[in-house]
């Protein structure tokens, strides 16, 4: 069967392109294609308002993958903002119908994308604002042109400490369940019940911590958050637990005095407005 060159991504205002990712995935990229795809913007950035922004202002990594409709990965290439040609790639494919997945994020590594129903970020990579495009693409003898907008698929808990750190506290550790670090490309929902853990060095007196999650199997979830204030040797000096409701595309601000007063745990119930521009402010 005659092979057709599939997929040329041109991201407007983007300036750099990582070499095709070659490693355990051994994926390749071609320079020209007859399916032209332009990613003009990432939608709904920042959280505080409905807006659009080019990928160079929003993410540091892009992952492009093509799958057979049965979920078998055919091609993949990964890009970083610092590399030349960021945002342009192409694949050579047989004629047919495929699932195209594009992920934009700023984690410290690329997600595992072997299975489109379980695209996974790890605790070691960290979690970040994440955007997704997923749709079917049919390749035939005629050129195809697409213009893509990627949509946010994460929720954000912004945890804020308003009192001063005791002298011995060197780190804050956040461990949370109820959301997911893995998502299904077809829905953007979390697809695995994960335990997400992030540890922050507070040498700079950091008081605000962003905890991202993919709501599990829905647009909403409630995370159970265990927080630990640690010394330099990671011994626990203070610990508290909270239940916090989250919604995809929403920030839930959660703030209060952590070390002075307060109970050992707190349950919070809140109605979340569906309007994108709203932010939810809770106290503990």
Protein backbone atom coordinates (compact mmCIF):
# COMPACT_ATOMS: atom_id res chain seq x y z
CA UNK A 1 0.00 0.00 0.00
CA UNK A 2 1.27 3.38 -0.92
CA UNK A 3 2.60 5.23 2.09
CA UNK A 4 1.45 8.74 2.70
CA UNK A 5 3.34 11.29 4.71
CA UNK A 6 1.10 12.15 7.64
CA UNK A 7 1.19 15.16 9.85
CA UNK A 8 2.97 18.47 9.69
CA UNK A 9 2.50 20.48 12.85
CA UNK A 10 3.15 24.22 12.64
CA UNK A 11 2.55 26.02 15.92
CA UNK A 12 2.00 29.74 15.36
CA UNK A 13 4.64 31.88 17.11
CA UNK A 14 6.67 28.84 18.22
CA UNK A 15 10.39 28.87 17.68
CA UNK A 16 12.04 25.61 18.60
CA UNK A 17 11.78 21.35 17.84
CA UNK A 18 13.35 18.55 19.67
CA UNK A 19 14.83 15.76 17.62
CA UNK A 20 12.40 12.85 17.37
CA UNK A 21 12.34 10.89 20.59
CA UNK A 22 14.42 7.75 20.22
CA UNK A 23 14.67 5.40 23.14
CA UNK A 24 12.39 2.74 24.52
CA UNK A 25 9.66 4.03 22.17
CA UNK A 26 12.02 4.32 19.14
CA UNK A 27 9.70 6.76 17.40
CA UNK A 28 10.58 8.71 14.27
CA UNK A 29 9.56 11.97 12.59
CA UNK A 30 9.57 13.01 8.95
CA UNK A 31 10.10 16.50 7.58
CA UNK A 32 7.19 16.95 5.13
CA UNK A 33 3.67 15.67 4.91
CA UNK A 34 0.35 15.89 3.10
CA UNK A 35 -1.68 16.29 6.30
CA UNK A 36 -1.11 19.85 7.49
CA UNK A 37 -1.88 20.52 11.16
CA UNK A 38 -1.51 23.90 12.89
CA UNK A 39 -1.72 24.29 16.67
CA UNK A 40 -2.57 27.95 17.05
CA UNK A 41 -3.13 28.16 20.78
CA UNK A 42 -3.85 26.52 24.09
CA UNK A 43 -7.34 27.36 25.27
CA UNK A 44 -8.36 28.57 28.75
CA UNK A 45 -5.11 30.05 30.01
CA UNK A 46 -4.66 31.24 32.70
CA UNK A 47 -7.10 29.63 35.15
CA UNK A 48 -8.41 33.04 36.19
CA UNK A 49 -10.07 33.90 32.87
CA UNK A 50 -11.21 32.52 29.54
CA UNK A 51 -8.33 33.29 27.20
CA UNK A 52 -5.94 31.79 24.69
CA UNK A 53 -2.16 31.79 24.49
CA UNK A 54 0.55 30.34 22.24
CA UNK A 55 2.24 27.20 23.52
CA UNK A 56 5.55 29.03 24.05
CA UNK A 57 3.88 31.06 26.80
CA UNK A 58 2.13 28.12 28.42
CA UNK A 59 4.16 24.90 28.29
CA UNK A 60 7.73 23.63 27.96
CA UNK A 61 7.01 20.20 26.43
CA UNK A 62 4.85 18.82 23.63
CA UNK A 63 4.14 15.15 22.94
CA UNK A 64 2.61 13.98 19.65
CA UNK A 65 1.40 10.40 19.23
CA UNK A 66 -0.53 8.47 16.60
CA UNK A 67 -2.42 5.27 17.42
CA UNK A 68 -4.37 2.62 15.57
CA UNK A 69 -8.03 2.68 16.59
CA UNK A 70 -7.42 -0.44 18.70
CA UNK A 71 -4.97 1.60 20.85
CA UNK A 72 -1.74 0.34 19.33
CA UNK A 73 0.77 3.16 19.15
CA UNK A 74 2.17 3.72 15.66
CA UNK A 75 4.39 6.80 15.98
CA UNK A 76 5.42 9.30 18.65
CA UNK A 77 7.71 12.29 18.88
CA UNK A 78 8.46 14.54 21.88
CA UNK A 79 9.60 18.16 21.91
CA UNK A 80 11.08 20.67 24.35
CA UNK A 81 10.78 24.43 24.21
CA UNK A 82 14.57 24.93 24.27
CA UNK A 83 15.16 22.88 21.11
CA UNK A 84 15.15 24.21 17.58
CA UNK A 85 11.88 24.01 15.68
CA UNK A 86 9.58 23.51 18.70
CA UNK A 87 6.11 22.58 17.44
CA UNK A 88 6.81 21.12 13.98
CA UNK A 89 6.73 17.40 13.28
CA UNK A 90 5.46 14.92 10.69
CA UNK A 91 4.89 11.18 10.45
CA UNK A 92 4.67 8.80 7.49
CA UNK A 93 1.64 6.52 7.73
CA UNK A 94 -0.28 4.03 5.63
CA UNK A 95 -3.70 5.23 4.44
CA UNK A 96 -6.34 4.64 7.10
CA UNK A 97 -7.98 6.12 10.18
CA UNK A 98 -5.94 6.87 13.28
CA UNK A 99 -6.25 8.47 16.70
CA UNK A 100 -4.14 11.62 17.02
CA UNK A 101 -3.10 12.73 20.54
CA UNK A 102 -1.20 15.91 21.41
CA UNK A 103 -0.24 16.74 25.02
CA UNK A 104 1.21 20.06 26.21
CA UNK A 105 2.69 20.38 29.71
CA UNK A 106 5.65 21.59 31.78
CA UNK A 107 6.57 18.49 33.77
CA UNK A 108 10.19 17.42 34.22
CA UNK A 109 9.89 14.57 31.74
CA UNK A 110 7.65 13.02 29.10
CA UNK A 111 4.61 10.96 30.09
CA UNK A 112 4.39 7.29 29.23
CA UNK A 113 2.12 7.15 26.17
CA UNK A 114 2.18 3.46 25.19
CA UNK A 115 -1.55 3.18 25.92
CA UNK A 116 -3.78 6.17 25.03
CA UNK A 117 -6.21 5.18 27.79
CA UNK A 118 -3.44 5.43 30.40
CA UNK A 119 -1.12 8.36 29.63
CA UNK A 120 0.94 8.55 32.80
CA UNK A 121 2.97 11.19 34.60
CA UNK A 122 5.02 10.11 37.63
CA UNK A 123 5.75 11.67 41.01
CA UNK A 124 9.40 11.99 39.97
CA UNK A 125 8.43 14.01 36.88
CA UNK A 126 6.01 16.17 38.83
CA UNK A 127 2.61 17.41 37.68
CA UNK A 128 1.84 20.63 35.83
CA UNK A 129 -0.79 22.51 33.90
CA UNK A 130 -1.69 20.07 31.11
CA UNK A 131 -3.54 20.48 27.81
CA UNK A 132 -4.87 17.85 25.42
CA UNK A 133 -6.01 17.35 21.84
CA UNK A 134 -7.45 13.96 20.85
CA UNK A 135 -9.43 13.06 17.74
CA UNK A 136 -9.56 10.66 14.82
CA UNK A 137 -7.76 11.51 11.59
CA UNK A 138 -8.33 9.75 8.28
CA UNK A 139 -5.42 9.57 5.82
CA UNK A 140 -6.20 9.09 2.12
CA UNK A 141 -4.77 10.20 -1.20
CA UNK A 142 -5.91 13.79 -0.68
CA UNK A 143 -4.07 16.27 1.58
CA UNK A 144 -5.75 17.05 4.90
CA UNK A 145 -5.34 20.27 6.86
CA UNK A 146 -6.19 20.64 10.58
CA UNK A 147 -6.00 23.58 12.99
CA UNK A 148 -5.77 22.46 16.62
CA UNK A 149 -6.69 24.01 19.94
CA UNK A 150 -5.60 22.13 23.06
CA UNK A 151 -7.81 22.23 26.16
CA UNK A 152 -6.87 22.09 29.84
CA UNK A 153 -7.66 18.76 31.53
CA UNK A 154 -6.31 19.29 35.07
CA UNK A 155 -7.69 20.67 38.31
CA UNK A 156 -5.54 22.71 40.68
CA UNK A 157 -5.42 22.91 44.45
CA UNK A 158 -3.47 26.02 45.46
CA UNK A 159 -2.43 25.37 49.07
CA UNK A 160 -1.39 28.50 50.99
CA UNK A 161 0.22 28.74 54.45
CA UNK A 162 -0.43 32.12 56.06
CA UNK A 163 1.60 31.81 59.28
CA UNK A 164 5.38 31.66 59.76
CA UNK A 165 7.44 28.49 59.57
CA UNK A 166 8.93 27.16 62.81
CA UNK A 167 12.72 27.31 62.75
CA UNK A 168 13.36 23.60 62.12
CA UNK A 169 11.00 23.20 59.14
CA UNK A 170 12.97 22.71 55.91
CA UNK A 171 10.48 21.01 53.57
CA UNK A 172 6.77 20.57 52.94
CA UNK A 173 5.47 17.25 51.62
CA UNK A 174 2.02 16.81 50.07
CA UNK A 175 0.54 13.35 49.49
CA UNK A 176 -2.91 13.15 47.96
CA UNK A 177 -5.35 10.55 46.65
CA UNK A 178 -8.74 10.84 44.97
CA UNK A 179 -7.43 12.29 41.73
CA UNK A 180 -5.03 10.75 39.23
CA UNK A 181 -1.61 11.23 37.67
CA UNK A 182 -2.77 9.23 34.63
CA UNK A 183 -5.45 10.16 32.10
CA UNK A 184 -7.46 8.68 29.25
CA UNK A 185 -6.83 10.65 26.06
CA UNK A 186 -10.37 9.98 24.80
CA UNK A 187 -12.00 11.77 27.77
CA UNK A 188 -9.22 13.69 29.51
CA UNK A 189 -10.41 12.14 32.79
CA UNK A 190 -8.08 10.47 35.28
CA UNK A 191 -7.98 6.74 34.53
CA UNK A 192 -6.00 5.27 37.45
CA UNK A 193 -6.53 5.88 41.18
CA UNK A 194 -3.15 7.36 42.00
CA UNK A 195 -1.21 8.44 45.07
CA UNK A 196 0.46 11.70 44.09
CA UNK A 197 3.35 13.02 46.18
CA UNK A 198 5.24 16.31 45.91
CA UNK A 199 7.97 17.63 48.22
CA UNK A 200 9.07 21.27 48.27
CA UNK A 201 12.21 22.81 49.77
CA UNK A 202 11.07 25.95 51.59
CA UNK A 203 14.50 27.61 51.90
CA UNK A 204 13.07 30.57 49.97
CA UNK A 205 10.16 30.78 52.44
CA UNK A 206 7.70 29.47 49.85
CA UNK A 207 4.14 29.71 51.18
CA UNK A 208 2.07 28.78 48.10
CA UNK A 209 2.06 25.26 46.63
CA UNK A 210 0.31 24.18 43.41
CA UNK A 211 -1.04 20.62 43.45
CA UNK A 212 -2.32 19.44 40.05
CA UNK A 213 -4.46 16.38 39.43
CA UNK A 214 -6.61 14.79 36.73
CA UNK A 215 -10.05 14.27 38.35
CA UNK A 216 -10.68 10.53 38.38
CA UNK A 217 -13.30 9.33 35.85
CA UNK A 218 -15.14 12.67 36.02
CA UNK A 219 -14.75 16.45 35.83
CA UNK A 220 -14.88 16.59 39.66
CA UNK A 221 -13.19 14.82 42.54
CA UNK A 222 -12.37 15.23 46.22
CA UNK A 223 -8.75 14.69 47.12
CA UNK A 224 -7.64 13.50 50.53
CA UNK A 225 -4.53 15.53 51.25
CA UNK A 226 -1.93 14.61 53.88
CA UNK A 227 0.54 17.40 54.56
CA UNK A 228 3.85 16.98 56.41
CA UNK A 229 6.24 19.69 57.58
CA UNK A 230 9.69 18.09 57.58
CA UNK A 231 13.11 18.92 58.96
CA UNK A 232 16.26 18.69 56.82
CA UNK A 233 16.49 14.92 57.49
CA UNK A 234 12.82 14.53 56.46
CA UNK A 235 11.56 13.75 59.94
CA UNK A 236 7.93 14.79 60.39
CA UNK A 237 7.58 17.80 62.67
CA UNK A 238 3.93 18.71 61.93
CA UNK A 239 1.23 16.90 59.99
CA UNK A 240 -2.35 17.69 59.02
CA UNK A 241 -4.96 16.14 56.75
CA UNK A 242 -7.71 17.71 54.63
CA UNK A 243 -10.43 16.75 52.16
CA UNK A 244 -10.60 19.24 49.30
CA UNK A 245 -13.09 19.29 46.37
CA UNK A 246 -11.59 19.93 42.93
CA UNK A 247 -13.02 20.51 39.46
CA UNK A 248 -11.32 20.30 36.09
CA UNK A 249 -10.30 23.73 34.74
CA UNK A 250 -10.77 25.28 38.18
CA UNK A 251 -8.44 26.52 40.90
CA UNK A 252 -9.43 25.75 44.47
CA UNK A 253 -7.48 28.06 46.80
CA UNK A 254 -7.01 26.47 50.23
CA UNK A 255 -5.41 28.75 52.80
CA UNK A 256 -5.03 29.18 56.54
CA UNK A 257 -2.72 29.12 59.56
CA UNK A 258 -0.98 25.77 59.39
CA UNK A 259 1.21 25.80 62.49
CA UNK A 260 -0.80 27.99 64.85
CA UNK A 261 -4.14 26.61 66.00
CA UNK A 262 -6.42 24.49 63.85
CA UNK A 263 -7.49 20.90 64.27
CA UNK A 264 -5.62 17.81 63.17
CA UNK A 265 -7.91 17.44 60.17
CA UNK A 266 -10.62 19.34 58.35
CA UNK A 267 -13.45 18.39 56.00
CA UNK A 268 -14.60 21.01 53.52
CA UNK A 269 -17.79 20.96 51.48
CA UNK A 270 -18.43 23.56 48.81
CA UNK A 271 -20.62 24.13 45.76
CA UNK A 272 -18.47 24.98 42.75
CA UNK A 273 -19.77 27.43 40.18
CA UNK A 274 -19.48 26.08 36.65
CA UNK A 275 -18.32 29.43 35.26
CA UNK A 276 -14.70 29.07 34.15
CA UNK A 277 -13.59 32.45 35.41
CA UNK A 278 -14.47 31.67 39.04
CA UNK A 279 -11.90 30.59 41.59
CA UNK A 280 -12.94 28.86 44.82
CA UNK A 281 -11.41 30.23 48.03
CA UNK A 282 -11.54 28.00 51.13
CA UNK A 283 -9.85 28.34 54.51
CA UNK A 284 -8.61 25.75 56.99
